[in-house]
């Protein structure tokens, strides 16, 4: 897949490298600005199963 993209980019190796860098930065920007905020409510990161009633090791030594 990457070889196909590299072959279809215009210019020499330096121009292709700059275009590739711009494409990667564009994809990262879109992911952080739109995709991850949209998907965050769908992920179970706020479902914690830690019980606060258990004593911590620091309080057992007192």
N, C-alpha and C. Protein backbone atom coordinates (compact mmCIF):
# COMPACT_ATOMS: atom_id res chain seq x y z
N UNK A 1 0.83 -1.18 0.00
CA UNK A 1 0.00 0.00 0.00
C UNK A 1 0.88 1.25 0.00
N UNK A 2 1.92 1.26 0.85
CA UNK A 2 2.77 2.44 0.91
C UNK A 2 3.57 2.64 -0.37
N UNK A 3 3.94 1.54 -0.99
CA UNK A 3 4.66 1.65 -2.27
C UNK A 3 3.74 2.24 -3.33
N UNK A 4 2.48 1.85 -3.32
CA UNK A 4 1.53 2.39 -4.28
C UNK A 4 1.36 3.90 -4.08
N UNK A 5 1.24 4.32 -2.82
CA UNK A 5 1.11 5.76 -2.52
C UNK A 5 2.38 6.49 -2.96
N UNK A 6 3.55 5.93 -2.63
CA UNK A 6 4.82 6.57 -2.97
C UNK A 6 4.97 6.73 -4.48
N UNK A 7 4.58 5.71 -5.24
CA UNK A 7 4.70 5.79 -6.70
C UNK A 7 3.76 6.82 -7.31
N UNK A 8 2.62 7.07 -6.67
CA UNK A 8 1.64 7.99 -7.25
C UNK A 8 1.81 9.44 -6.79
N UNK A 9 2.74 9.69 -5.87
CA UNK A 9 3.01 11.08 -5.47
C UNK A 9 3.88 11.75 -6.53
N UNK A 10 3.62 13.03 -6.80
CA UNK A 10 4.43 13.71 -7.82
C UNK A 10 5.78 14.17 -7.26
N UNK A 11 6.74 14.36 -8.15
CA UNK A 11 8.02 14.94 -7.77
C UNK A 11 9.09 13.92 -7.48
N UNK A 12 10.26 14.47 -7.07
CA UNK A 12 11.38 13.60 -6.73
C UNK A 12 11.25 13.12 -5.28
N UNK A 13 12.30 12.49 -4.75
CA UNK A 13 12.23 11.89 -3.41
C UNK A 13 12.00 12.94 -2.33
N UNK A 14 12.62 14.13 -2.47
CA UNK A 14 12.44 15.19 -1.46
C UNK A 14 11.00 15.70 -1.44
N UNK A 15 10.44 15.91 -2.60
CA UNK A 15 9.06 16.39 -2.69
C UNK A 15 8.09 15.33 -2.18
N UNK A 16 8.34 14.07 -2.54
CA UNK A 16 7.50 12.98 -2.05
C UNK A 16 7.58 12.87 -0.54
N UNK A 17 8.78 13.07 0.02
CA UNK A 17 8.93 13.01 1.48
C UNK A 17 8.15 14.13 2.16
N UNK A 18 8.19 15.32 1.62
CA UNK A 18 7.45 16.44 2.20
C UNK A 18 5.94 16.23 2.08
N UNK A 19 5.50 15.74 0.95
CA UNK A 19 4.07 15.46 0.77
C UNK A 19 3.63 14.35 1.72
N UNK A 20 4.46 13.31 1.87
CA UNK A 20 4.14 12.22 2.79
C UNK A 20 4.05 12.73 4.22
N UNK A 21 4.97 13.59 4.62
CA UNK A 21 4.93 14.17 5.97
C UNK A 21 3.66 14.99 6.17
N UNK A 22 3.30 15.78 5.17
CA UNK A 22 2.08 16.58 5.26
C UNK A 22 0.85 15.68 5.35
N UNK A 23 0.83 14.59 4.61
CA UNK A 23 -0.30 13.66 4.67
C UNK A 23 -0.41 13.01 6.05
N UNK A 24 0.71 12.59 6.61
CA UNK A 24 0.70 11.97 7.94
C UNK A 24 0.24 12.97 8.99
N UNK A 25 0.75 14.18 8.93
CA UNK A 25 0.33 15.22 9.89
C UNK A 25 -1.15 15.54 9.73
N UNK A 26 -1.64 15.54 8.50
CA UNK A 26 -3.07 15.77 8.27
C UNK A 26 -3.93 14.67 8.85
N UNK A 27 -3.51 13.43 8.70
CA UNK A 27 -4.26 12.30 9.27
C UNK A 27 -4.26 12.37 10.79
N UNK A 28 -3.12 12.68 11.38
CA UNK A 28 -3.04 12.80 12.85
C UNK A 28 -3.93 13.93 13.33
N UNK A 29 -3.93 15.05 12.64
CA UNK A 29 -4.78 16.17 13.03
C UNK A 29 -6.26 15.78 12.98
N UNK A 30 -6.68 15.14 11.91
CA UNK A 30 -8.08 14.73 11.78
C UNK A 30 -8.45 13.74 12.88
N UNK A 31 -7.55 12.81 13.19
CA UNK A 31 -7.84 11.84 14.25
C UNK A 31 -8.04 12.53 15.59
N UNK A 32 -7.12 13.44 15.95
CA UNK A 32 -7.20 14.09 17.26
C UNK A 32 -8.32 15.11 17.36
N UNK A 33 -8.67 15.75 16.27
CA UNK A 33 -9.69 16.79 16.32
C UNK A 33 -11.11 16.27 16.15
N UNK A 34 -11.28 15.20 15.41
CA UNK A 34 -12.63 14.75 15.07
C UNK A 34 -12.94 13.31 15.48
N UNK A 35 -12.05 12.39 15.15
CA UNK A 35 -12.36 10.97 15.36
C UNK A 35 -12.29 10.59 16.83
N UNK A 36 -11.20 10.94 17.53
CA UNK A 36 -11.06 10.56 18.93
C UNK A 36 -12.11 11.22 19.83
N UNK A 37 -12.42 12.52 19.67
CA UNK A 37 -13.49 13.09 20.49
C UNK A 37 -14.85 12.45 20.22
N UNK A 38 -15.11 12.06 18.98
CA UNK A 38 -16.37 11.40 18.66
C UNK A 38 -16.44 10.02 19.32
N UNK A 39 -15.32 9.28 19.31
CA UNK A 39 -15.32 7.91 19.81
C UNK A 39 -15.16 7.83 21.33
N UNK A 40 -14.72 8.88 21.98
CA UNK A 40 -14.44 8.84 23.42
C UNK A 40 -15.65 8.45 24.27
N UNK A 41 -16.85 8.96 24.02
CA UNK A 41 -18.00 8.52 24.83
C UNK A 41 -18.36 7.05 24.62
N UNK A 42 -17.95 6.47 23.52
CA UNK A 42 -18.28 5.09 23.24
C UNK A 42 -17.32 4.10 23.91
N UNK A 43 -16.19 4.59 24.43
CA UNK A 43 -15.19 3.72 25.03
C UNK A 43 -15.41 3.61 26.54
N UNK A 44 -15.11 2.46 27.13
CA UNK A 44 -15.43 2.23 28.55
C UNK A 44 -14.36 2.72 29.52
N UNK A 45 -13.75 3.89 29.31
CA UNK A 45 -12.70 4.36 30.20
C UNK A 45 -13.23 4.85 31.54
N UNK A 46 -14.48 5.22 31.64
CA UNK A 46 -15.05 5.73 32.88
C UNK A 46 -15.71 4.64 33.72
N UNK A 47 -15.69 3.41 33.26
CA UNK A 47 -16.26 2.30 34.01
C UNK A 47 -15.20 1.70 34.93
N UNK A 48 -15.01 2.31 36.09
CA UNK A 48 -13.99 1.85 37.02
C UNK A 48 -14.61 0.84 37.99
N UNK A 49 -13.84 -0.15 38.37
CA UNK A 49 -14.33 -1.16 39.30
C UNK A 49 -13.54 -1.15 40.60
N UNK A 50 -12.94 -0.04 40.95
CA UNK A 50 -12.17 0.07 42.19
C UNK A 50 -13.13 0.35 43.33
N UNK A 51 -13.00 -0.39 44.42
CA UNK A 51 -13.85 -0.23 45.58
C UNK A 51 -13.14 0.66 46.60
N UNK A 52 -13.78 1.75 47.02
CA UNK A 52 -13.16 2.69 47.95
C UNK A 52 -13.25 2.22 49.40
N UNK A 53 -13.99 1.19 49.70
CA UNK A 53 -14.17 0.77 51.09
C UNK A 53 -13.01 -0.08 51.60
N UNK A 54 -12.13 -0.55 50.74
CA UNK A 54 -11.01 -1.36 51.17
C UNK A 54 -9.91 -0.48 51.76
N UNK A 55 -9.25 -0.91 52.83
CA UNK A 55 -8.17 -0.10 53.40
C UNK A 55 -6.93 -0.11 52.51
N UNK A 56 -6.22 0.97 52.53
CA UNK A 56 -4.99 1.05 51.75
C UNK A 56 -3.85 0.47 52.59
N UNK A 57 -2.78 0.06 52.01
CA UNK A 57 -1.67 -0.51 52.79
C UNK A 57 -1.09 0.48 53.80
N UNK A 58 -1.15 1.77 53.55
CA UNK A 58 -0.62 2.76 54.49
C UNK A 58 -1.45 2.82 55.76
N UNK A 59 -2.75 2.60 55.70
CA UNK A 59 -3.59 2.67 56.89
C UNK A 59 -3.56 1.37 57.69
N UNK A 60 -3.11 0.29 57.11
CA UNK A 60 -3.05 -0.99 57.85
C UNK A 60 -1.92 -1.00 58.86
N UNK A 61 -0.87 -0.25 58.68
CA UNK A 61 0.28 -0.27 59.56
C UNK A 61 0.11 0.59 60.78
N UNK A 62 -0.94 1.36 60.89
CA UNK A 62 -1.13 2.27 62.03
C UNK A 62 -1.61 1.57 63.24
